[in-house]
Amino acid sequence: MTDPKSHSAFEDLQGLLAGTFLSATALLPLTALGLVTGQTAGLAILLSYLTDYSFGAIFFVINLPFFALAYLRMGARFTIKTTLAVALVSLIAETVPKYVSFADIHPLVAVLMFGTMSGAGLLAIFRHGASLGGIGILALYLQDKIGFKAGWTQLIFDVTLFSVAAIFFPLKIVGWSLVGAVIVNVVIAVNHRKDRYIAM
C-alpha cells in the first residue's frame, strides 16, 4: 500500500513540470522590461543581458558545480530531481518566448506576475523534493561545514548581485527588480511550512 504521506513518481513528475513551467514563464514579464532578480536565476539573467548567451544556457551551466554540493548535502534523489528541474527551466525558458511576448506591460504588473508565478513554481518544486540549485545549496553546505547561516549567504549574494546590476542599469530598473524579488520571497515565506503540508 502506498504511504499517503509520500508522493508517487507521477505526482513528483507533474509537480516538477508545473513548478518549472511556472518558474520559467515567470521570467518573461521580468526580462521584457530588462529587470533582474536574486539568486542564481538573477545572475543568469544579468549575464544574458551582458553577453550574447541565452538565459537557459547560462542558468544550466552556472548550476553544474552546485549539483555536486547537492549530492553531498541532500543525497542522490534530491540531486537527480534538482538536475531535472534546472534542465526543464532552462529548456522552457528557451522555448516559451517563441510563442509569448510582453510588448507593453507596466513594471508593477510585471513584478507582480513574476513574484507570484515564481513563488508558486518554487513552492511546487520544493514540495516535490527538489530545488532550482544554485546559491541555496551552497548556503546550506556552508552552514553545515562552517556554521555560517544560510540566510546570510543568500543575502550577501543578492546584495552583491543587485549592486552590480546598479552599475550597468538605471536605478529605476534595479528598484522594480527588488520589488519583484521581495514578492517572491514573501510568497515562499508565507506558504512554505512543512507543518501545513504532510506529503513528502
C-alpha atoms as a PDB file:
ATOM      1  CA  MET A   1       0.000   0.000   0.000  1.00  0.00           C
ATOM      2  CA  THR A   2       1.285   3.480  -0.880  1.00  0.00           C
ATOM      3  CA  ASP A   3       2.225   5.730   2.006  1.00  0.00           C
ATOM      4  CA  PRO A   4      -0.297   8.626   1.930  1.00  0.00           C
ATOM      5  CA  LYS A   5       2.459  10.952   3.115  1.00  0.00           C
ATOM      6  CA  SER A   6       4.675  10.145   0.133  1.00  0.00           C
ATOM      7  CA  HIS A   7       4.409  11.447  -3.421  1.00  0.00           C
ATOM      8  CA  SER A   8       4.198   8.884  -6.204  1.00  0.00           C
ATOM      9  CA  ALA A   9       6.573   9.125  -9.168  1.00  0.00           C
ATOM     10  CA  PHE A  10       3.718  10.535 -11.256  1.00  0.00           C
ATOM     11  CA  GLU A  11       2.913  13.160  -8.616  1.00  0.00           C
ATOM     12  CA  ASP A  12       6.572  14.170  -8.471  1.00  0.00           C
ATOM     13  CA  LEU A  13       6.734  14.453 -12.251  1.00  0.00           C
ATOM     14  CA  GLN A  14       3.619  16.594 -12.591  1.00  0.00           C
ATOM     15  CA  GLY A  15       4.734  18.733  -9.656  1.00  0.00           C
ATOM     16  CA  LEU A  16       8.142  19.353 -11.208  1.00  0.00           C
ATOM     17  CA  LEU A  17       6.628  20.037 -14.636  1.00  0.00           C
ATOM     18  CA  ALA A  18       4.122  22.519 -13.212  1.00  0.00           C
ATOM     19  CA  GLY A  19       6.696  24.174 -10.963  1.00  0.00           C
ATOM     20  CA  THR A  20       9.353  24.554 -13.638  1.00  0.00           C
ATOM     21  CA  PHE A  21       6.821  25.834 -16.178  1.00  0.00           C
ATOM     22  CA  LEU A  22       5.616  28.499 -13.745  1.00  0.00           C
ATOM     23  CA  SER A  23       9.175  29.434 -12.748  1.00  0.00           C
ATOM     24  CA  ALA A  24      10.398  29.698 -16.338  1.00  0.00           C
ATOM     25  CA  THR A  25       7.413  31.601 -17.743  1.00  0.00           C
ATOM     26  CA  ALA A  26       7.512  33.964 -14.757  1.00  0.00           C
ATOM     27  CA  LEU A  27      10.741  35.325 -16.207  1.00  0.00           C
ATOM     28  CA  LEU A  28       9.044  36.591 -19.388  1.00  0.00           C
ATOM     29  CA  PRO A  29       7.396  39.762 -17.988  1.00  0.00           C
ATOM     30  CA  LEU A  30      10.552  40.413 -15.964  1.00  0.00           C
ATOM     31  CA  THR A  31      13.002  40.193 -18.848  1.00  0.00           C
ATOM     32  CA  ALA A  32      10.622  42.033 -21.199  1.00  0.00           C
ATOM     33  CA  LEU A  33      11.442  45.165 -19.189  1.00  0.00           C
ATOM     34  CA  GLY A  34      15.112  44.365 -18.671  1.00  0.00           C
ATOM     35  CA  LEU A  35      14.627  43.631 -14.968  1.00  0.00           C
ATOM     36  CA  VAL A  36      16.636  41.162 -12.884  1.00  0.00           C
ATOM     37  CA  THR A  37      16.048  39.096  -9.754  1.00  0.00           C
ATOM     38  CA  GLY A  38      18.086  37.491  -6.993  1.00  0.00           C
ATOM     39  CA  GLN A  39      19.889  34.173  -6.539  1.00  0.00           C
ATOM     40  CA  THR A  40      21.283  32.070  -9.385  1.00  0.00           C
ATOM     41  CA  ALA A  41      18.448  32.930 -11.775  1.00  0.00           C
ATOM     42  CA  GLY A  42      19.237  36.609 -11.288  1.00  0.00           C
ATOM     43  CA  LEU A  43      22.905  36.046 -12.059  1.00  0.00           C
ATOM     44  CA  ALA A  44      21.961  34.133 -15.215  1.00  0.00           C
ATOM     45  CA  ILE A  45      19.605  36.925 -16.314  1.00  0.00           C
ATOM     46  CA  LEU A  46      22.251  39.575 -15.674  1.00  0.00           C
ATOM     47  CA  LEU A  47      24.872  37.652 -17.644  1.00  0.00           C
ATOM     48  CA  SER A  48      22.426  37.074 -20.501  1.00  0.00           C
ATOM     49  CA  TYR A  49      21.923  40.846 -20.752  1.00  0.00           C
ATOM     50  CA  LEU A  50      25.670  41.491 -20.788  1.00  0.00           C
ATOM     51  CA  THR A  51      26.664  38.691 -23.190  1.00  0.00           C
ATOM     52  CA  ASP A  52      25.391  37.005 -26.345  1.00  0.00           C
ATOM     53  CA  TYR A  53      24.409  33.852 -24.454  1.00  0.00           C
ATOM     54  CA  SER A  54      20.819  32.953 -23.569  1.00  0.00           C
ATOM     55  CA  PHE A  55      19.423  32.725 -20.045  1.00  0.00           C
ATOM     56  CA  GLY A  56      18.680  28.999 -20.424  1.00  0.00           C
ATOM     57  CA  ALA A  57      22.225  28.076 -21.374  1.00  0.00           C
ATOM     58  CA  ILE A  58      23.819  30.253 -18.697  1.00  0.00           C
ATOM     59  CA  PHE A  59      21.418  29.075 -15.992  1.00  0.00           C
ATOM     60  CA  PHE A  60      22.197  25.421 -16.635  1.00  0.00           C
ATOM     61  CA  VAL A  61      25.983  25.919 -16.817  1.00  0.00           C
ATOM     62  CA  ILE A  62      26.077  28.041 -13.647  1.00  0.00           C
ATOM     63  CA  ASN A  63      24.284  25.280 -11.759  1.00  0.00           C
ATOM     64  CA  LEU A  64      26.672  22.475 -12.756  1.00  0.00           C
ATOM     65  CA  PRO A  65      29.068  22.920  -9.783  1.00  0.00           C
ATOM     66  CA  PHE A  66      26.151  23.064  -7.365  1.00  0.00           C
ATOM     67  CA  PHE A  67      24.934  19.594  -8.344  1.00  0.00           C
ATOM     68  CA  ALA A  68      27.988  18.107  -6.611  1.00  0.00           C
ATOM     69  CA  LEU A  69      27.186  20.066  -3.444  1.00  0.00           C
ATOM     70  CA  ALA A  70      23.570  18.944  -3.703  1.00  0.00           C
ATOM     71  CA  TYR A  71      24.691  15.323  -3.765  1.00  0.00           C
ATOM     72  CA  LEU A  72      26.924  15.814  -0.702  1.00  0.00           C
ATOM     73  CA  ARG A  73      24.303  17.756   1.249  1.00  0.00           C
ATOM     74  CA  MET A  74      20.965  16.188   0.200  1.00  0.00           C
ATOM     75  CA  GLY A  75      21.745  12.876  -1.498  1.00  0.00           C
ATOM     76  CA  ALA A  76      21.163  11.305  -4.896  1.00  0.00           C
ATOM     77  CA  ARG A  77      17.351  11.555  -5.038  1.00  0.00           C
ATOM     78  CA  PHE A  78      17.312  15.296  -4.378  1.00  0.00           C
ATOM     79  CA  THR A  79      20.198  15.858  -6.807  1.00  0.00           C
ATOM     80  CA  ILE A  80      18.516  13.960  -9.645  1.00  0.00           C
ATOM     81  CA  LYS A  81      15.259  15.864  -9.153  1.00  0.00           C
ATOM     82  CA  THR A  82      17.098  19.186  -8.928  1.00  0.00           C
ATOM     83  CA  THR A  83      19.099  18.469 -12.085  1.00  0.00           C
ATOM     84  CA  LEU A  84      15.845  17.656 -13.877  1.00  0.00           C
ATOM     85  CA  ALA A  85      14.198  20.834 -12.578  1.00  0.00           C
ATOM     86  CA  VAL A  86      17.124  23.036 -13.661  1.00  0.00           C
ATOM     87  CA  ALA A  87      17.199  21.387 -17.097  1.00  0.00           C
ATOM     88  CA  LEU A  88      13.446  21.887 -17.522  1.00  0.00           C
ATOM     89  CA  VAL A  89      13.608  25.569 -16.559  1.00  0.00           C
ATOM     90  CA  SER A  90      16.488  26.070 -18.998  1.00  0.00           C
ATOM     91  CA  LEU A  91      14.587  24.312 -21.792  1.00  0.00           C
ATOM     92  CA  ILE A  92      11.247  26.036 -21.129  1.00  0.00           C
ATOM     93  CA  ALA A  93      12.947  29.442 -20.854  1.00  0.00           C
ATOM     94  CA  GLU A  94      14.447  28.856 -24.305  1.00  0.00           C
ATOM     95  CA  THR A  95      11.177  27.657 -25.883  1.00  0.00           C
ATOM     96  CA  VAL A  96       8.247  29.656 -24.470  1.00  0.00           C
ATOM     97  CA  PRO A  97       9.460  33.137 -25.595  1.00  0.00           C
ATOM     98  CA  LYS A  98       8.989  31.966 -29.183  1.00  0.00           C
ATOM     99  CA  TYR A  99       5.243  31.817 -28.543  1.00  0.00           C
ATOM    100  CA  VAL A 100       4.601  34.545 -25.945  1.00  0.00           C
ATOM    101  CA  SER A 101       5.717  38.168 -25.698  1.00  0.00           C
ATOM    102  CA  PHE A 102       5.061  41.147 -23.448  1.00  0.00           C
ATOM    103  CA  ALA A 103       5.436  44.128 -25.766  1.00  0.00           C
ATOM    104  CA  ASP A 104       3.564  46.500 -23.464  1.00  0.00           C
ATOM    105  CA  ILE A 105       3.424  45.825 -19.729  1.00  0.00           C
ATOM    106  CA  HIS A 106       3.612  48.112 -16.694  1.00  0.00           C
ATOM    107  CA  PRO A 107       6.524  47.370 -14.327  1.00  0.00           C
ATOM    108  CA  LEU A 108       4.185  46.836 -11.358  1.00  0.00           C
ATOM    109  CA  VAL A 109       2.167  44.229 -13.263  1.00  0.00           C
ATOM    110  CA  ALA A 110       5.394  42.612 -14.463  1.00  0.00           C
ATOM    111  CA  VAL A 111       6.856  42.209 -10.972  1.00  0.00           C
ATOM    112  CA  LEU A 112       3.522  41.019  -9.554  1.00  0.00           C
ATOM    113  CA  MET A 113       3.275  38.379 -12.267  1.00  0.00           C
ATOM    114  CA  PHE A 114       6.881  37.370 -11.783  1.00  0.00           C
ATOM    115  CA  GLY A 115       6.732  37.277  -7.993  1.00  0.00           C
ATOM    116  CA  THR A 116       3.519  35.294  -7.643  1.00  0.00           C
ATOM    117  CA  MET A 117       4.193  32.862 -10.504  1.00  0.00           C
ATOM    118  CA  SER A 118       7.793  32.274  -9.495  1.00  0.00           C
ATOM    119  CA  GLY A 119       6.844  31.850  -5.847  1.00  0.00           C
ATOM    120  CA  ALA A 120       4.139  29.322  -6.714  1.00  0.00           C
ATOM    121  CA  GLY A 121       6.511  27.480  -9.044  1.00  0.00           C
ATOM    122  CA  LEU A 122       9.243  27.254  -6.437  1.00  0.00           C
ATOM    123  CA  LEU A 123       6.775  26.012  -3.822  1.00  0.00           C
ATOM    124  CA  ALA A 124       5.726  23.189  -6.154  1.00  0.00           C
ATOM    125  CA  ILE A 125       9.366  22.300  -6.814  1.00  0.00           C
ATOM    126  CA  PHE A 126      10.251  22.362  -3.097  1.00  0.00           C
ATOM    127  CA  ARG A 127       7.244  20.221  -2.164  1.00  0.00           C
ATOM    128  CA  HIS A 128       8.350  17.545  -4.590  1.00  0.00           C
ATOM    129  CA  GLY A 129      11.826  17.209  -3.132  1.00  0.00           C
ATOM    130  CA  ALA A 130      13.849  19.391  -5.496  1.00  0.00           C
ATOM    131  CA  SER A 131      15.175  22.914  -5.952  1.00  0.00           C
ATOM    132  CA  LEU A 132      16.491  25.126  -8.730  1.00  0.00           C
ATOM    133  CA  GLY A 133      20.013  24.613  -7.455  1.00  0.00           C
ATOM    134  CA  GLY A 134      22.479  27.407  -7.052  1.00  0.00           C
ATOM    135  CA  ILE A 135      23.168  29.614  -4.085  1.00  0.00           C
ATOM    136  CA  GLY A 136      20.592  27.975  -1.827  1.00  0.00           C
ATOM    137  CA  ILE A 137      22.514  24.709  -1.974  1.00  0.00           C
ATOM    138  CA  LEU A 138      25.828  26.461  -1.371  1.00  0.00           C
ATOM    139  CA  ALA A 139      24.292  28.312   1.573  1.00  0.00           C
ATOM    140  CA  LEU A 140      23.141  25.067   3.204  1.00  0.00           C
ATOM    141  CA  TYR A 141      26.505  23.420   2.528  1.00  0.00           C
ATOM    142  CA  LEU A 142      28.431  26.285   4.167  1.00  0.00           C
ATOM    143  CA  GLN A 143      26.042  26.228   7.106  1.00  0.00           C
ATOM    144  CA  ASP A 144      26.792  22.537   7.629  1.00  0.00           C
ATOM    145  CA  LYS A 145      30.556  22.854   7.170  1.00  0.00           C
ATOM    146  CA  ILE A 146      31.481  26.097   8.900  1.00  0.00           C
ATOM    147  CA  GLY A 147      28.302  27.164  10.703  1.00  0.00           C
ATOM    148  CA  PHE A 148      27.732  30.292   8.605  1.00  0.00           C
ATOM    149  CA  LYS A 149      23.966  30.871   8.470  1.00  0.00           C
ATOM    150  CA  ALA A 150      22.396  30.003   5.109  1.00  0.00           C
ATOM    151  CA  GLY A 151      20.260  33.136   5.137  1.00  0.00           C
ATOM    152  CA  TRP A 152      23.343  35.342   5.408  1.00  0.00           C
ATOM    153  CA  THR A 153      24.997  33.662   2.418  1.00  0.00           C
ATOM    154  CA  GLN A 154      21.916  34.237   0.285  1.00  0.00           C
ATOM    155  CA  LEU A 155      21.563  37.825   1.464  1.00  0.00           C
ATOM    156  CA  ILE A 156      25.219  38.637   0.747  1.00  0.00           C
ATOM    157  CA  PHE A 157      24.903  37.149  -2.730  1.00  0.00           C
ATOM    158  CA  ASP A 158      21.738  39.119  -3.538  1.00  0.00           C
ATOM    159  CA  VAL A 159      23.151  42.403  -2.213  1.00  0.00           C
ATOM    160  CA  THR A 160      26.229  41.869  -4.378  1.00  0.00           C
ATOM    161  CA  LEU A 161      24.130  40.954  -7.411  1.00  0.00           C
ATOM    162  CA  PHE A 162      21.854  43.988  -7.171  1.00  0.00           C
ATOM    163  CA  SER A 163      24.853  46.238  -6.523  1.00  0.00           C
ATOM    164  CA  VAL A 164      26.464  45.014  -9.739  1.00  0.00           C
ATOM    165  CA  ALA A 165      23.152  45.472 -11.581  1.00  0.00           C
ATOM    166  CA  ALA A 166      23.059  49.086 -10.353  1.00  0.00           C
ATOM    167  CA  ILE A 167      26.377  49.699 -12.120  1.00  0.00           C
ATOM    168  CA  PHE A 168      25.029  48.628 -15.505  1.00  0.00           C
ATOM    169  CA  PHE A 169      21.350  49.582 -15.342  1.00  0.00           C
ATOM    170  CA  PRO A 170      19.271  52.604 -14.236  1.00  0.00           C
ATOM    171  CA  LEU A 171      18.252  52.678 -10.580  1.00  0.00           C
ATOM    172  CA  LYS A 172      14.588  52.545 -11.659  1.00  0.00           C
ATOM    173  CA  ILE A 173      15.221  49.139 -13.226  1.00  0.00           C
ATOM    174  CA  VAL A 174      17.018  47.912 -10.107  1.00  0.00           C
ATOM    175  CA  GLY A 175      14.247  49.269  -7.886  1.00  0.00           C
ATOM    176  CA  TRP A 176      11.482  47.415  -9.716  1.00  0.00           C
ATOM    177  CA  SER A 177      13.681  44.307  -9.735  1.00  0.00           C
ATOM    178  CA  LEU A 178      13.970  44.477  -5.958  1.00  0.00           C
ATOM    179  CA  VAL A 179      10.187  44.695  -5.636  1.00  0.00           C
ATOM    180  CA  GLY A 180       9.849  41.509  -7.693  1.00  0.00           C
ATOM    181  CA  ALA A 181      12.453  39.707  -5.580  1.00  0.00           C
ATOM    182  CA  VAL A 182      10.659  40.737  -2.380  1.00  0.00           C
ATOM    183  CA  ILE A 183       7.323  39.418  -3.689  1.00  0.00           C
ATOM    184  CA  VAL A 184       8.873  36.019  -4.490  1.00  0.00           C
ATOM    185  CA  ASN A 185      10.357  35.726  -1.010  1.00  0.00           C
ATOM    186  CA  VAL A 186       7.134  36.816   0.700  1.00  0.00           C
ATOM    187  CA  VAL A 187       5.125  34.191  -1.225  1.00  0.00           C
ATOM    188  CA  ILE A 188       7.597  31.483  -0.211  1.00  0.00           C
ATOM    189  CA  ALA A 189       7.946  32.666   3.401  1.00  0.00           C
ATOM    190  CA  VAL A 190       4.184  32.747   3.970  1.00  0.00           C
ATOM    191  CA  ASN A 191       3.375  29.440   2.266  1.00  0.00           C
ATOM    192  CA  HIS A 192       6.386  27.148   2.713  1.00  0.00           C
ATOM    193  CA  ARG A 193       5.753  25.466   6.066  1.00  0.00           C
ATOM    194  CA  LYS A 194       6.149  21.730   6.496  1.00  0.00           C
ATOM    195  CA  ASP A 195       3.514  21.595   9.235  1.00  0.00           C
ATOM    196  CA  ARG A 196       0.921  22.721   6.682  1.00  0.00           C
ATOM    197  CA  TYR A 197       1.822  20.089   4.122  1.00  0.00           C
ATOM    198  CA  ILE A 198       2.162  16.441   5.109  1.00  0.00           C
ATOM    199  CA  ALA A 199       3.265  14.778   1.848  1.00  0.00           C
ATOM    200  CA  MET A 200       6.945  14.425   1.032  1.00  0.00           C
END
